[in-house]
């Protein structure tokens, strides 16, 4: 049986080579610390090269399947 989690991340900061996204917690707050209660991932970094058009979305929706 597969357990699935769907997480939402919001853009926090653009660096030289990556975009930092913060997990949006069920309460609507952003996960601020790696061990934030309720956070599954916390912070997600995406390489800028993952967005060849140079447009970085304000939000990402990520689905994780736990086998």
PDB file of N, CA and C in Angstrom:
ATOM      1  N   UNK A   1       0.844  -1.180   0.000  1.00  0.00           N
ATOM      2  CA  UNK A   1       0.000   0.000   0.000  1.00  0.00           C
ATOM      3  C   UNK A   1       0.891   1.245   0.000  1.00  0.00           C
ATOM      4  N   UNK A   2       0.538   2.217  -0.801  1.00  0.00           N
ATOM      5  CA  UNK A   2       1.310   3.441  -0.919  1.00  0.00           C
ATOM      6  C   UNK A   2       0.651   4.550  -0.113  1.00  0.00           C
ATOM      7  N   UNK A   3       1.461   5.238   0.650  1.00  0.00           N
ATOM      8  CA  UNK A   3       1.009   6.399   1.394  1.00  0.00           C
ATOM      9  C   UNK A   3       1.480   7.632   0.621  1.00  0.00           C
ATOM     10  N   UNK A   4       0.569   8.536   0.287  1.00  0.00           N
ATOM     11  CA  UNK A   4       0.900   9.702  -0.522  1.00  0.00           C
ATOM     12  C   UNK A   4       0.693  10.982   0.271  1.00  0.00           C
ATOM     13  N   UNK A   5       1.638  11.903   0.136  1.00  0.00           N
ATOM     14  CA  UNK A   5       1.539  13.232   0.734  1.00  0.00           C
ATOM     15  C   UNK A   5       1.646  14.251  -0.379  1.00  0.00           C
ATOM     16  N   UNK A   6       0.746  15.220  -0.389  1.00  0.00           N
ATOM     17  CA  UNK A   6       0.840  16.327  -1.332  1.00  0.00           C
ATOM     18  C   UNK A   6       1.201  17.572  -0.536  1.00  0.00           C
ATOM     19  N   UNK A   7       2.323  18.195  -0.915  1.00  0.00           N
ATOM     20  CA  UNK A   7       2.842  19.344  -0.187  1.00  0.00           C
ATOM     21  C   UNK A   7       2.864  20.571  -1.089  1.00  0.00           C
ATOM     22  N   UNK A   8       2.680  21.728  -0.489  1.00  0.00           N
ATOM     23  CA  UNK A   8       2.748  22.994  -1.214  1.00  0.00           C
ATOM     24  C   UNK A   8       3.943  23.777  -0.689  1.00  0.00           C
ATOM     25  N   UNK A   9       4.686  24.367  -1.610  1.00  0.00           N
ATOM     26  CA  UNK A   9       5.858  25.183  -1.270  1.00  0.00           C
ATOM     27  C   UNK A   9       5.684  26.553  -1.893  1.00  0.00           C
ATOM     28  N   UNK A  10       6.148  27.565  -1.193  1.00  0.00           N
ATOM     29  CA  UNK A  10       6.089  28.920  -1.727  1.00  0.00           C
ATOM     30  C   UNK A  10       7.508  29.471  -1.871  1.00  0.00           C
ATOM     31  N   UNK A  11       7.709  30.246  -2.925  1.00  0.00           N
ATOM     32  CA  UNK A  11       9.041  30.786  -3.217  1.00  0.00           C
ATOM     33  C   UNK A  11       9.451  31.747  -2.112  1.00  0.00           C
ATOM     34  N   UNK A  12      10.681  31.565  -1.615  1.00  0.00           N
ATOM     35  CA  UNK A  12      11.188  32.389  -0.532  1.00  0.00           C
ATOM     36  C   UNK A  12      12.342  33.273  -0.964  1.00  0.00           C
ATOM     37  N   UNK A  13      13.260  32.695  -1.747  1.00  0.00           N
ATOM     38  CA  UNK A  13      14.480  33.434  -2.065  1.00  0.00           C
ATOM     39  C   UNK A  13      15.099  32.873  -3.345  1.00  0.00           C
ATOM     40  N   UNK A  14      15.628  33.772  -4.175  1.00  0.00           N
ATOM     41  CA  UNK A  14      16.339  33.366  -5.386  1.00  0.00           C
ATOM     42  C   UNK A  14      17.822  33.634  -5.163  1.00  0.00           C
ATOM     43  N   UNK A  15      18.636  32.587  -5.305  1.00  0.00           N
ATOM     44  CA  UNK A  15      20.079  32.731  -5.163  1.00  0.00           C
ATOM     45  C   UNK A  15      20.717  32.690  -6.553  1.00  0.00           C
ATOM     46  N   UNK A  16      22.037  32.691  -6.594  1.00  0.00           N
ATOM     47  CA  UNK A  16      22.740  32.702  -7.876  1.00  0.00           C
ATOM     48  C   UNK A  16      22.380  31.511  -8.758  1.00  0.00           C
ATOM     49  N   UNK A  17      22.211  30.311  -8.144  1.00  0.00           N
ATOM     50  CA  UNK A  17      21.957  29.132  -8.958  1.00  0.00           C
ATOM     51  C   UNK A  17      20.724  28.338  -8.582  1.00  0.00           C
ATOM     52  N   UNK A  18      19.998  28.795  -7.547  1.00  0.00           N
ATOM     53  CA  UNK A  18      18.861  28.006  -7.069  1.00  0.00           C
ATOM     54  C   UNK A  18      17.730  28.908  -6.573  1.00  0.00           C
ATOM     55  N   UNK A  19      16.587  28.306  -6.418  1.00  0.00           N
ATOM     56  CA  UNK A  19      15.424  28.974  -5.839  1.00  0.00           C
ATOM     57  C   UNK A  19      15.069  28.202  -4.580  1.00  0.00           C
ATOM     58  N   UNK A  20      14.925  28.925  -3.468  1.00  0.00           N
ATOM     59  CA  UNK A  20      14.571  28.288  -2.198  1.00  0.00           C
ATOM     60  C   UNK A  20      13.065  28.424  -1.988  1.00  0.00           C
ATOM     61  N   UNK A  21      12.443  27.285  -1.725  1.00  0.00           N
ATOM     62  CA  UNK A  21      11.009  27.228  -1.452  1.00  0.00           C
ATOM     63  C   UNK A  21      10.794  26.736  -0.025  1.00  0.00           C
ATOM     64  N   UNK A  22       9.805  27.327   0.662  1.00  0.00           N
ATOM     65  CA  UNK A  22       9.455  26.922   2.017  1.00  0.00           C
ATOM     66  C   UNK A  22       8.139  26.157   1.988  1.00  0.00           C
ATOM     67  N   UNK A  23       8.075  25.088   2.754  1.00  0.00           N
ATOM     68  CA  UNK A  23       6.847  24.289   2.836  1.00  0.00           C
ATOM     69  C   UNK A  23       5.746  25.090   3.545  1.00  0.00           C
ATOM     70  N   UNK A  24       4.554  25.047   2.984  1.00  0.00           N
ATOM     71  CA  UNK A  24       3.393  25.669   3.613  1.00  0.00           C
ATOM     72  C   UNK A  24       2.749  24.610   4.507  1.00  0.00           C
ATOM     73  N   UNK A  25       2.703  24.894   5.785  1.00  0.00           N
ATOM     74  CA  UNK A  25       2.156  23.952   6.762  1.00  0.00           C
ATOM     75  C   UNK A  25       0.628  23.947   6.711  1.00  0.00           C
ATOM     76  N   UNK A  26      -0.002  22.905   7.243  1.00  0.00           N
ATOM     77  CA  UNK A  26      -1.472  22.846   7.251  1.00  0.00           C
ATOM     78  C   UNK A  26      -2.121  24.087   7.887  1.00  0.00           C
ATOM     79  N   UNK A  27      -1.410  24.728   8.815  1.00  0.00           N
ATOM     80  CA  UNK A  27      -1.934  25.941   9.466  1.00  0.00           C
ATOM     81  C   UNK A  27      -1.863  27.158   8.557  1.00  0.00           C
ATOM     82  N   UNK A  28      -1.145  27.030   7.413  1.00  0.00           N
ATOM     83  CA  UNK A  28      -0.975  28.156   6.496  1.00  0.00           C
ATOM     84  C   UNK A  28       0.336  28.899   6.707  1.00  0.00           C
ATOM     85  N   UNK A  29       1.018  28.615   7.810  1.00  0.00           N
ATOM     86  CA  UNK A  29       2.324  29.233   8.073  1.00  0.00           C
ATOM     87  C   UNK A  29       3.396  28.542   7.239  1.00  0.00           C
ATOM     88  N   UNK A  30       4.532  29.238   7.073  1.00  0.00           N
ATOM     89  CA  UNK A  30       5.668  28.649   6.382  1.00  0.00           C
ATOM     90  C   UNK A  30       6.561  27.937   7.385  1.00  0.00           C
ATOM     91  N   UNK A  31       7.097  26.802   6.991  1.00  0.00           N
ATOM     92  CA  UNK A  31       8.060  26.085   7.833  1.00  0.00           C
ATOM     93  C   UNK A  31       9.323  26.924   7.882  1.00  0.00           C
ATOM     94  N   UNK A  32       9.714  27.346   9.076  1.00  0.00           N
ATOM     95  CA  UNK A  32      10.870  28.226   9.249  1.00  0.00           C
ATOM     96  C   UNK A  32      12.117  27.490   9.706  1.00  0.00           C
ATOM     97  N   UNK A  33      11.962  26.300  10.267  1.00  0.00           N
ATOM     98  CA  UNK A  33      13.103  25.551  10.791  1.00  0.00           C
ATOM     99  C   UNK A  33      13.023  24.114  10.294  1.00  0.00           C
ATOM    100  N   UNK A  34      14.169  23.434  10.159  1.00  0.00           N
ATOM    101  CA  UNK A  34      14.160  22.057   9.656  1.00  0.00           C
ATOM    102  C   UNK A  34      13.320  21.109  10.494  1.00  0.00           C
ATOM    103  N   UNK A  35      13.206  21.361  11.790  1.00  0.00           N
ATOM    104  CA  UNK A  35      12.448  20.463  12.658  1.00  0.00           C
ATOM    105  C   UNK A  35      11.095  21.054  13.049  1.00  0.00           C
ATOM    106  N   UNK A  36      10.594  21.959  12.244  1.00  0.00           N
ATOM    107  CA  UNK A  36       9.294  22.602  12.502  1.00  0.00           C
ATOM    108  C   UNK A  36       8.201  21.535  12.618  1.00  0.00           C
ATOM    109  N   UNK A  37       7.416  21.616  13.658  1.00  0.00           N
ATOM    110  CA  UNK A  37       6.343  20.641  13.872  1.00  0.00           C
ATOM    111  C   UNK A  37       5.347  20.688  12.714  1.00  0.00           C
ATOM    112  N   UNK A  38       5.057  19.526  12.160  1.00  0.00           N
ATOM    113  CA  UNK A  38       4.113  19.423  11.052  1.00  0.00           C
ATOM    114  C   UNK A  38       4.770  19.454   9.679  1.00  0.00           C
ATOM    115  N   UNK A  39       6.052  19.815   9.624  1.00  0.00           N
ATOM    116  CA  UNK A  39       6.747  19.875   8.337  1.00  0.00           C
ATOM    117  C   UNK A  39       7.192  18.480   7.912  1.00  0.00           C
ATOM    118  N   UNK A  40       7.076  18.201   6.626  1.00  0.00           N
ATOM    119  CA  UNK A  40       7.540  16.935   6.062  1.00  0.00           C
ATOM    120  C   UNK A  40       8.914  17.142   5.424  1.00  0.00           C
ATOM    121  N   UNK A  41       9.067  18.214   4.662  1.00  0.00           N
ATOM    122  CA  UNK A  41      10.323  18.523   3.980  1.00  0.00           C
ATOM    123  C   UNK A  41      10.957  19.785   4.581  1.00  0.00           C
ATOM    124  N   UNK A  42      10.175  20.807   4.785  1.00  0.00           N
ATOM    125  CA  UNK A  42      10.680  22.073   5.330  1.00  0.00           C
ATOM    126  C   UNK A  42      11.125  22.995   4.227  1.00  0.00           C
ATOM    127  N   UNK A  43      12.354  22.837   3.765  1.00  0.00           N
ATOM    128  CA  UNK A  43      12.912  23.695   2.721  1.00  0.00           C
ATOM    129  C   UNK A  43      13.261  22.848   1.506  1.00  0.00           C
ATOM    130  N   UNK A  44      12.926  23.362   0.332  1.00  0.00           N
ATOM    131  CA  UNK A  44      13.211  22.679  -0.925  1.00  0.00           C
ATOM    132  C   UNK A  44      13.990  23.632  -1.817  1.00  0.00           C
ATOM    133  N   UNK A  45      15.128  23.173  -2.330  1.00  0.00           N
ATOM    134  CA  UNK A  45      15.920  23.962  -3.264  1.00  0.00           C
ATOM    135  C   UNK A  45      15.760  23.382  -4.656  1.00  0.00           C
ATOM    136  N   UNK A  46      15.460  24.238  -5.606  1.00  0.00           N
ATOM    137  CA  UNK A  46      15.354  23.831  -7.012  1.00  0.00           C
ATOM    138  C   UNK A  46      16.436  24.585  -7.791  1.00  0.00           C
ATOM    139  N   UNK A  47      17.164  23.864  -8.621  1.00  0.00           N
ATOM    140  CA  UNK A  47      18.170  24.505  -9.478  1.00  0.00           C
ATOM    141  C   UNK A  47      17.473  25.400 -10.486  1.00  0.00           C
ATOM    142  N   UNK A  48      18.046  26.548 -10.759  1.00  0.00           N
ATOM    143  CA  UNK A  48      17.459  27.452 -11.746  1.00  0.00           C
ATOM    144  C   UNK A  48      17.387  26.796 -13.120  1.00  0.00           C
ATOM    145  N   UNK A  49      18.315  25.903 -13.412  1.00  0.00           N
ATOM    146  CA  UNK A  49      18.331  25.227 -14.708  1.00  0.00           C
ATOM    147  C   UNK A  49      17.121  24.310 -14.899  1.00  0.00           C
ATOM    148  N   UNK A  50      16.389  24.011 -13.818  1.00  0.00           N
ATOM    149  CA  UNK A  50      15.175  23.202 -13.934  1.00  0.00           C
ATOM    150  C   UNK A  50      14.047  23.992 -14.605  1.00  0.00           C
ATOM    151  N   UNK A  51      14.237  25.303 -14.720  1.00  0.00           N
ATOM    152  CA  UNK A  51      13.239  26.180 -15.336  1.00  0.00           C
ATOM    153  C   UNK A  51      13.886  26.885 -16.521  1.00  0.00           C
ATOM    154  N   UNK A  52      13.990  26.191 -17.669  1.00  0.00           N
ATOM    155  CA  UNK A  52      14.741  26.727 -18.806  1.00  0.00           C
ATOM    156  C   UNK A  52      14.203  28.051 -19.332  1.00  0.00           C
ATOM    157  N   UNK A  53      12.928  28.337 -19.095  1.00  0.00           N
ATOM    158  CA  UNK A  53      12.384  29.608 -19.577  1.00  0.00           C
ATOM    159  C   UNK A  53      12.722  30.777 -18.643  1.00  0.00           C
ATOM    160  N   UNK A  54      13.382  30.474 -17.502  1.00  0.00           N
ATOM    161  CA  UNK A  54      13.774  31.516 -16.570  1.00  0.00           C
ATOM    162  C   UNK A  54      12.641  32.049 -15.710  1.00  0.00           C
ATOM    163  N   UNK A  55      11.482  31.427 -15.798  1.00  0.00           N
ATOM    164  CA  UNK A  55      10.340  31.841 -14.977  1.00  0.00           C
ATOM    165  C   UNK A  55      10.233  30.892 -13.789  1.00  0.00           C
ATOM    166  N   UNK A  56      10.339  31.438 -12.599  1.00  0.00           N
ATOM    167  CA  UNK A  56      10.301  30.644 -11.377  1.00  0.00           C
ATOM    168  C   UNK A  56       8.927  30.782 -10.743  1.00  0.00           C
ATOM    169  N   UNK A  57       8.171  29.688 -10.645  1.00  0.00           N
ATOM    170  CA  UNK A  57       6.813  29.785 -10.101  1.00  0.00           C
ATOM    171  C   UNK A  57       6.824  30.219  -8.636  1.00  0.00           C
ATOM    172  N   UNK A  58       5.801  30.969  -8.256  1.00  0.00           N
ATOM    173  CA  UNK A  58       5.669  31.418  -6.873  1.00  0.00           C
ATOM    174  C   UNK A  58       5.329  30.261  -5.942  1.00  0.00           C
ATOM    175  N   UNK A  59       4.653  29.247  -6.483  1.00  0.00           N
ATOM    176  CA  UNK A  59       4.304  28.074  -5.673  1.00  0.00           C
ATOM    177  C   UNK A  59       4.579  26.794  -6.454  1.00  0.00           C
ATOM    178  N   UNK A  60       4.940  25.759  -5.707  1.00  0.00           N
ATOM    179  CA  UNK A  60       5.117  24.414  -6.255  1.00  0.00           C
ATOM    180  C   UNK A  60       4.221  23.459  -5.472  1.00  0.00           C
ATOM    181  N   UNK A  61       3.680  22.483  -6.157  1.00  0.00           N
ATOM    182  CA  UNK A  61       2.945  21.420  -5.498  1.00  0.00           C
ATOM    183  C   UNK A  61       3.725  20.134  -5.756  1.00  0.00           C
ATOM    184  N   UNK A  62       4.108  19.451  -4.690  1.00  0.00           N
ATOM    185  CA  UNK A  62       4.948  18.265  -4.779  1.00  0.00           C
ATOM    186  C   UNK A  62       4.190  17.085  -4.167  1.00  0.00           C
ATOM    187  N   UNK A  63       4.175  15.974  -4.882  1.00  0.00           N
ATOM    188  CA  UNK A  63       3.557  14.759  -4.358  1.00  0.00           C
ATOM    189  C   UNK A  63       4.655  13.760  -4.027  1.00  0.00           C
ATOM    190  N   UNK A  64       4.609  13.220  -2.813  1.00  0.00           N
ATOM    191  CA  UNK A  64       5.576  12.218  -2.355  1.00  0.00           C
ATOM    192  C   UNK A  64       4.833  10.923  -2.101  1.00  0.00           C
ATOM    193  N   UNK A  65       5.327   9.850  -2.711  1.00  0.00           N
ATOM    194  CA  UNK A  65       4.768   8.520  -2.501  1.00  0.00           C
ATOM    195  C   UNK A  65       5.706   7.742  -1.596  1.00  0.00           C
ATOM    196  N   UNK A  66       5.214   7.288  -0.466  1.00  0.00           N
ATOM    197  CA  UNK A  66       5.970   6.453   0.449  1.00  0.00           C
ATOM    198  C   UNK A  66       5.548   5.011   0.205  1.00  0.00           C
ATOM    199  N   UNK A  67       6.463   4.184  -0.265  1.00  0.00           N
ATOM    200  CA  UNK A  67       6.150   2.768  -0.513  1.00  0.00           C
ATOM    201  C   UNK A  67       6.349   1.958   0.736  1.00  0.00           C
TER     202      UNK A  67
END
